Amino acid sequence: MSEANKSLVRRWIEEAINKGNLSIVDEIVANDYVYREPTVGERRGKAAARELVTMYRNAFPDIKLTIEEQIAEGDKVVTRTSGSGTHRGELFGTGPTGRRVSAVPGICVTRIANGEVVEDTWVYDTLGMLRQLGVVPVPVAKAA
């Protein structure tokens, strides 16, 4: 079951996020899906899954999440990712900067039930991403 669950999560990331194939939502996301992430809070349902993927793909049309590592146990899969993309659309109230972000680390804990994605809890380096976009200044060390 662990390999099947990891494969499902890989498919979710590759098809929906990286390729923008939203039809996969109806195929592999549960009706009572729950998404959690510090930047957008908690969202529920298939419509929310589509909206979230669309939001990130509009902000970064060339978004690419590379799966660095996966660990599965029971009904959960932990996926460590590295994200990249070019900021071409609005994100969190910030207009497009045209800047490219790379190596943005993230971790997602996904719960699977009955062959469907039921929950995703994401944490990624939002501050590092915003610094790469030039939205948040990078602190400069002062000489002693």
Protein backbone atom coordinates (compact mmCIF):
# COMPACT_ATOMS: atom_id res chain seq x y z
CA MET A 1 0.00 0.00 0.00
CA SER A 2 2.86 2.42 0.75
CA GLU A 3 4.16 2.33 -2.84
CA ALA A 4 0.66 2.84 -4.24
CA ASN A 5 0.12 5.82 -1.92
CA LYS A 6 3.47 7.37 -2.90
CA SER A 7 2.60 6.87 -6.56
CA LEU A 8 -0.76 8.60 -6.07
CA VAL A 9 0.91 11.62 -4.44
CA ARG A 10 3.53 11.76 -7.21
CA ARG A 11 0.74 11.75 -9.76
CA TRP A 12 -1.12 14.52 -7.89
CA ILE A 13 2.01 16.73 -7.88
CA GLU A 14 3.13 15.93 -11.44
CA GLU A 15 -0.26 16.11 -13.14
CA ALA A 16 -2.07 18.86 -11.24
CA ILE A 17 0.67 21.20 -10.06
CA ASN A 18 3.42 20.73 -12.63
CA LYS A 19 1.24 20.21 -15.71
CA GLY A 20 -1.94 22.04 -14.69
CA ASN A 21 -4.17 19.07 -15.45
CA LEU A 22 -7.17 19.95 -13.28
CA SER A 23 -9.25 17.02 -14.55
CA ILE A 24 -7.20 14.82 -12.26
CA VAL A 25 -8.95 16.46 -9.28
CA ASP A 26 -12.18 14.59 -10.03
CA GLU A 27 -10.24 11.37 -10.42
CA ILE A 28 -8.02 11.28 -7.33
CA VAL A 29 -9.16 13.96 -4.85
CA ALA A 30 -11.83 13.06 -2.28
CA ASN A 31 -15.04 15.08 -2.06
CA ASP A 32 -14.21 16.00 1.54
CA TYR A 33 -10.60 17.00 0.70
CA VAL A 34 -8.88 19.32 3.21
CA TYR A 35 -5.88 21.53 2.35
CA ARG A 36 -3.82 23.29 4.99
CA GLU A 37 -0.99 25.74 4.51
CA PRO A 38 0.10 28.74 6.64
CA THR A 39 -0.24 31.26 3.78
CA VAL A 40 -3.83 30.43 2.74
CA GLY A 41 -5.13 28.64 5.82
CA GLU A 42 -7.53 25.74 5.49
CA ARG A 43 -9.56 25.09 2.34
CA ARG A 44 -12.03 22.28 1.71
CA GLY A 45 -13.41 20.35 -1.24
CA LYS A 46 -12.55 19.62 -4.84
CA ALA A 47 -13.31 23.20 -5.89
CA ALA A 48 -10.73 24.43 -3.38
CA ALA A 49 -8.16 22.00 -4.77
CA ARG A 50 -8.73 23.40 -8.26
CA GLU A 51 -8.59 27.01 -7.01
CA LEU A 52 -5.31 26.46 -5.18
CA VAL A 53 -3.60 24.80 -8.12
CA THR A 54 -4.90 27.58 -10.38
CA MET A 55 -3.69 30.30 -8.00
CA TYR A 56 -0.13 28.95 -7.90
CA ARG A 57 -0.05 28.18 -11.64
CA ASN A 58 -1.29 31.71 -12.45
CA ALA A 59 1.45 33.16 -10.27
CA PHE A 60 4.10 30.77 -11.62
CA PRO A 61 2.98 29.40 -15.04
CA ASP A 62 6.19 27.37 -15.31
CA ILE A 63 5.98 26.03 -11.75
CA LYS A 64 7.91 22.84 -11.15
CA LEU A 65 7.86 20.88 -7.92
CA THR A 66 10.62 18.33 -7.89
CA ILE A 67 10.04 15.42 -5.53
CA GLU A 68 13.25 14.99 -3.58
CA GLU A 69 12.09 12.31 -1.17
CA GLN A 70 8.99 10.43 -0.07
CA ILE A 71 8.27 8.37 3.01
CA ALA A 72 5.05 6.43 3.45
CA GLU A 73 3.58 4.76 6.48
CA GLY A 74 0.01 3.61 6.91
CA ASP A 75 -2.33 6.06 5.21
CA LYS A 76 0.17 8.95 5.15
CA VAL A 77 2.84 10.04 2.67
CA VAL A 78 5.45 12.67 3.51
CA THR A 79 6.88 14.33 0.42
CA ARG A 80 9.87 16.67 0.43
CA THR A 81 9.95 18.96 -2.59
CA SER A 82 12.03 21.68 -4.19
CA GLY A 83 10.09 24.30 -6.12
CA SER A 84 10.97 26.66 -8.93
CA GLY A 85 9.16 29.00 -11.30
CA THR A 86 8.97 32.48 -12.78
CA HIS A 87 6.67 34.97 -11.06
CA ARG A 88 4.33 36.10 -13.86
CA GLY A 89 1.07 36.67 -11.96
CA GLU A 90 -0.32 38.01 -8.69
CA LEU A 91 0.44 36.06 -5.52
CA PHE A 92 -0.59 37.06 -2.00
CA GLY A 93 -1.33 40.61 -3.17
CA THR A 94 2.00 41.02 -4.93
CA GLY A 95 1.96 41.70 -8.65
CA PRO A 96 4.28 39.85 -11.02
CA THR A 97 7.96 40.59 -10.56
CA GLY A 98 9.24 38.55 -13.50
CA ARG A 99 11.81 37.05 -11.16
CA ARG A 100 12.60 33.37 -11.05
CA VAL A 101 12.61 31.46 -7.78
CA SER A 102 14.49 28.23 -7.36
CA ALA A 103 15.24 25.61 -4.74
CA VAL A 104 12.25 26.61 -2.58
CA PRO A 105 12.02 23.73 -0.10
CA GLY A 106 8.67 22.30 0.96
CA ILE A 107 7.20 19.39 2.86
CA CYS A 108 3.71 17.98 2.48
CA VAL A 109 1.98 15.38 4.60
CA THR A 110 -0.78 13.73 2.55
CA ARG A 111 -3.42 11.37 3.88
CA ILE A 112 -4.87 8.80 1.52
CA ALA A 113 -8.17 6.96 1.98
CA ASN A 114 -9.83 4.57 -0.46
CA GLY A 115 -7.31 5.45 -3.16
CA GLU A 116 -8.00 9.21 -2.95
CA VAL A 117 -6.14 12.23 -1.61
CA VAL A 118 -8.10 13.26 1.49
CA GLU A 119 -5.78 15.76 3.19
CA ASP A 120 -2.71 17.80 2.30
CA THR A 121 -0.79 19.81 4.87
CA TRP A 122 1.94 21.88 3.20
CA VAL A 123 4.75 23.89 4.72
CA TYR A 124 7.21 25.59 2.41
CA ASP A 125 9.81 28.34 2.69
CA THR A 126 7.50 31.25 1.93
CA LEU A 127 9.93 33.79 3.39
CA GLY A 128 12.79 32.50 1.24
CA MET A 129 10.55 32.58 -1.84
CA LEU A 130 9.45 36.17 -1.11
CA ARG A 131 13.09 37.17 -0.64
CA GLN A 132 13.97 35.66 -4.01
CA LEU A 133 11.11 37.69 -5.52
CA GLY A 134 12.50 40.87 -3.93
CA VAL A 135 9.30 41.41 -1.96
CA VAL A 136 11.01 40.95 1.41
CA PRO A 137 14.51 42.35 1.86
CA VAL A 138 17.37 40.03 2.65
CA PRO A 139 18.98 41.13 5.94
CA VAL A 140 22.51 42.42 5.57
CA ALA A 141 24.94 41.60 8.35
CA LYS A 142 26.54 44.71 9.85
CA ALA A 143 30.27 44.78 10.41
CA ALA A 144 31.26 44.52 14.04
